[in-house]
N, C-alpha and C. Protein backbone atom coordinates (compact mmCIF):
# COMPACT_ATOMS: atom_id res chain seq x y z
N MET A 1 -9.53 26.10 31.23
CA MET A 1 -8.60 25.97 30.14
C MET A 1 -7.74 24.74 30.37
N ASP A 2 -7.39 24.11 29.28
CA ASP A 2 -6.61 22.88 29.34
C ASP A 2 -5.18 23.14 28.84
N PRO A 3 -4.17 22.78 29.63
CA PRO A 3 -2.79 23.08 29.25
C PRO A 3 -2.33 22.28 28.02
N ILE A 4 -1.63 22.96 27.14
CA ILE A 4 -1.07 22.32 25.94
C ILE A 4 0.23 21.64 26.33
N ILE A 5 0.38 20.39 25.88
CA ILE A 5 1.59 19.64 26.20
C ILE A 5 2.47 19.42 24.98
N HIS A 6 1.90 19.59 23.76
CA HIS A 6 2.68 19.40 22.54
C HIS A 6 2.00 20.13 21.39
N ALA A 7 2.81 20.70 20.51
CA ALA A 7 2.30 21.35 19.31
C ALA A 7 3.25 21.04 18.17
N ALA A 8 2.70 20.61 17.03
CA ALA A 8 3.52 20.24 15.89
C ALA A 8 2.92 20.79 14.61
N LYS A 9 3.79 21.21 13.70
CA LYS A 9 3.35 21.71 12.40
C LYS A 9 2.77 20.57 11.58
N SER A 10 1.72 20.88 10.85
CA SER A 10 1.17 19.94 9.88
C SER A 10 0.87 20.72 8.62
N PHE A 11 0.46 20.05 7.58
CA PHE A 11 0.21 20.70 6.30
C PHE A 11 -0.87 21.78 6.41
N ASN A 12 -1.91 21.50 7.19
CA ASN A 12 -3.06 22.41 7.27
C ASN A 12 -3.04 23.35 8.47
N GLY A 13 -2.04 23.22 9.36
CA GLY A 13 -2.01 24.06 10.54
C GLY A 13 -1.12 23.48 11.61
N ILE A 14 -1.53 23.67 12.85
CA ILE A 14 -0.78 23.17 13.99
C ILE A 14 -1.64 22.16 14.74
N GLN A 15 -1.10 20.96 14.91
CA GLN A 15 -1.77 19.92 15.68
C GLN A 15 -1.36 20.10 17.14
N VAL A 16 -2.34 20.32 18.00
CA VAL A 16 -2.09 20.61 19.40
C VAL A 16 -2.61 19.47 20.27
N SER A 17 -1.76 19.00 21.18
CA SER A 17 -2.18 18.00 22.16
C SER A 17 -2.26 18.69 23.52
N PHE A 18 -3.33 18.40 24.25
CA PHE A 18 -3.55 19.07 25.53
C PHE A 18 -4.21 18.12 26.51
N LEU A 19 -4.05 18.44 27.79
CA LEU A 19 -4.65 17.64 28.85
C LEU A 19 -6.05 18.14 29.13
N SER A 20 -7.00 17.22 29.11
CA SER A 20 -8.38 17.54 29.46
C SER A 20 -8.80 16.53 30.51
N GLY A 21 -8.78 16.96 31.76
CA GLY A 21 -9.02 16.01 32.85
C GLY A 21 -7.87 15.04 32.93
N ASN A 22 -8.17 13.75 32.84
CA ASN A 22 -7.13 12.72 32.86
C ASN A 22 -6.78 12.21 31.48
N SER A 23 -7.35 12.84 30.44
CA SER A 23 -7.14 12.38 29.07
C SER A 23 -6.32 13.37 28.27
N THR A 24 -5.60 12.84 27.29
CA THR A 24 -4.89 13.68 26.34
C THR A 24 -5.77 13.80 25.10
N MET A 25 -6.05 15.03 24.71
CA MET A 25 -6.88 15.31 23.55
C MET A 25 -6.02 15.96 22.48
N SER A 26 -6.54 16.00 21.26
CA SER A 26 -5.82 16.61 20.15
C SER A 26 -6.77 17.42 19.29
N GLU A 27 -6.29 18.54 18.81
CA GLU A 27 -7.11 19.43 17.98
C GLU A 27 -6.20 20.08 16.94
N LEU A 28 -6.70 20.19 15.72
CA LEU A 28 -5.97 20.86 14.65
C LEU A 28 -6.47 22.29 14.53
N PHE A 29 -5.55 23.25 14.61
CA PHE A 29 -5.88 24.66 14.43
C PHE A 29 -5.23 25.13 13.13
N SER A 30 -6.02 25.72 12.25
CA SER A 30 -5.47 26.20 10.98
C SER A 30 -4.60 27.42 11.23
N TYR A 31 -3.66 27.65 10.31
CA TYR A 31 -2.80 28.82 10.42
C TYR A 31 -3.63 30.10 10.42
N GLU A 32 -4.67 30.13 9.61
CA GLU A 32 -5.54 31.31 9.54
C GLU A 32 -6.19 31.59 10.90
N ASN A 33 -6.71 30.54 11.54
CA ASN A 33 -7.34 30.72 12.86
C ASN A 33 -6.33 31.18 13.90
N LEU A 34 -5.11 30.63 13.85
CA LEU A 34 -4.09 31.03 14.80
C LEU A 34 -3.71 32.49 14.62
N ILE A 35 -3.62 32.94 13.38
CA ILE A 35 -3.33 34.35 13.09
C ILE A 35 -4.46 35.22 13.62
N ASP A 36 -5.70 34.80 13.40
CA ASP A 36 -6.85 35.56 13.92
C ASP A 36 -6.83 35.64 15.44
N MET A 37 -6.31 34.59 16.11
CA MET A 37 -6.22 34.58 17.57
C MET A 37 -4.98 35.33 18.06
N LYS A 38 -4.18 35.84 17.11
CA LYS A 38 -2.93 36.55 17.43
C LYS A 38 -1.93 35.66 18.17
N ILE A 39 -1.86 34.39 17.73
CA ILE A 39 -0.93 33.43 18.32
C ILE A 39 0.33 33.38 17.45
N ASN A 40 1.48 33.50 18.08
CA ASN A 40 2.76 33.37 17.39
C ASN A 40 3.00 31.87 17.19
N VAL A 41 2.88 31.41 15.95
CA VAL A 41 2.94 29.98 15.64
C VAL A 41 4.30 29.39 16.03
N ALA A 42 5.38 30.09 15.72
CA ALA A 42 6.71 29.59 16.05
C ALA A 42 6.86 29.42 17.56
N ASP A 43 6.37 30.37 18.34
CA ASP A 43 6.46 30.29 19.79
C ASP A 43 5.59 29.15 20.32
N LEU A 44 4.42 28.97 19.74
CA LEU A 44 3.54 27.88 20.15
C LEU A 44 4.22 26.52 19.95
N VAL A 45 4.88 26.34 18.81
CA VAL A 45 5.54 25.07 18.53
C VAL A 45 6.75 24.87 19.44
N GLU A 46 7.52 25.94 19.68
CA GLU A 46 8.73 25.83 20.50
C GLU A 46 8.43 25.80 22.00
N ASN A 47 7.36 26.46 22.42
CA ASN A 47 7.05 26.59 23.85
C ASN A 47 5.57 26.31 24.12
N PRO A 48 5.11 25.10 23.86
CA PRO A 48 3.68 24.82 24.03
C PRO A 48 3.19 24.98 25.46
N ASP A 49 4.10 24.86 26.43
CA ASP A 49 3.71 24.98 27.84
C ASP A 49 3.29 26.40 28.22
N ARG A 50 3.50 27.36 27.34
CA ARG A 50 3.07 28.74 27.58
C ARG A 50 1.61 28.97 27.21
N TYR A 51 0.96 27.94 26.66
CA TYR A 51 -0.38 28.10 26.09
C TYR A 51 -1.35 27.09 26.67
N ALA A 52 -2.63 27.40 26.49
CA ALA A 52 -3.70 26.49 26.89
C ALA A 52 -4.82 26.58 25.85
N VAL A 53 -5.68 25.57 25.85
CA VAL A 53 -6.83 25.53 24.95
C VAL A 53 -8.08 25.81 25.77
N ASP A 54 -8.89 26.73 25.28
CA ASP A 54 -10.20 26.99 25.86
C ASP A 54 -11.20 26.38 24.88
N MET A 55 -11.83 25.27 25.28
CA MET A 55 -12.71 24.54 24.38
C MET A 55 -14.04 25.26 24.14
N LYS A 56 -14.30 26.36 24.82
CA LYS A 56 -15.52 27.13 24.54
C LYS A 56 -15.47 27.71 23.14
N GLY A 57 -14.27 27.92 22.60
CA GLY A 57 -14.10 28.53 21.28
C GLY A 57 -14.14 27.54 20.13
N PRO A 58 -13.33 26.56 20.01
CA PRO A 58 -12.11 26.44 20.78
C PRO A 58 -11.08 27.49 20.35
N VAL A 59 -10.36 28.00 21.32
CA VAL A 59 -9.31 28.97 21.07
C VAL A 59 -8.08 28.62 21.89
N ILE A 60 -6.94 29.11 21.42
CA ILE A 60 -5.70 28.97 22.15
C ILE A 60 -5.42 30.30 22.84
N VAL A 61 -4.97 30.21 24.08
CA VAL A 61 -4.72 31.39 24.89
C VAL A 61 -3.31 31.29 25.47
N ARG A 62 -2.59 32.39 25.43
CA ARG A 62 -1.27 32.42 26.06
C ARG A 62 -1.48 32.56 27.55
N THR A 63 -0.91 31.65 28.34
CA THR A 63 -1.18 31.62 29.77
C THR A 63 -0.01 32.03 30.64
N ASP A 64 1.18 32.13 30.11
CA ASP A 64 2.30 32.43 30.99
C ASP A 64 2.31 33.88 31.46
N PHE A 65 1.46 34.73 30.86
CA PHE A 65 1.33 36.11 31.33
C PHE A 65 0.41 36.19 32.53
N CYS A 66 -0.43 35.19 32.68
CA CYS A 66 -1.47 35.19 33.70
C CYS A 66 -0.94 34.61 35.01
N LYS A 67 -1.23 35.29 36.09
CA LYS A 67 -0.90 34.79 37.42
C LYS A 67 -2.21 34.74 38.22
N PRO A 68 -2.91 33.60 38.16
CA PRO A 68 -4.23 33.50 38.79
C PRO A 68 -4.24 33.91 40.25
N GLU A 69 -3.16 33.67 40.98
CA GLU A 69 -3.14 34.02 42.39
C GLU A 69 -3.23 35.54 42.61
N LEU A 70 -2.96 36.33 41.56
CA LEU A 70 -3.03 37.78 41.69
C LEU A 70 -4.40 38.34 41.31
N HIS A 71 -5.25 37.56 40.69
CA HIS A 71 -6.55 38.06 40.25
C HIS A 71 -7.35 38.67 41.39
N GLU A 72 -7.36 37.97 42.51
CA GLU A 72 -8.14 38.46 43.65
C GLU A 72 -7.59 39.80 44.13
N GLU A 73 -6.26 39.95 44.16
CA GLU A 73 -5.65 41.21 44.58
C GLU A 73 -5.99 42.34 43.61
N CYS A 74 -6.04 42.04 42.31
CA CYS A 74 -6.29 43.06 41.30
C CYS A 74 -7.71 43.60 41.36
N THR A 75 -8.65 42.78 41.79
CA THR A 75 -10.06 43.21 41.79
C THR A 75 -10.48 43.85 43.10
N GLN A 76 -9.59 43.92 44.06
CA GLN A 76 -9.96 44.52 45.36
C GLN A 76 -9.56 45.97 45.41
């Protein structure tokens, strides 16, 4: 997943900028798609650092709930 560094409202949805490797990429997500992903649009715009983009979808995922260092402990 690639961390989101900026999110801004646009006429058709939310324009999201994210880091992919050493490059900054941009993707437009429609309001309808964000609602389907259960993303709080206001929170995404105000706190983009809480989210990441998974380009397999592409989908936006809330990441501040996740603590990767605990995954190994949870599965043991």
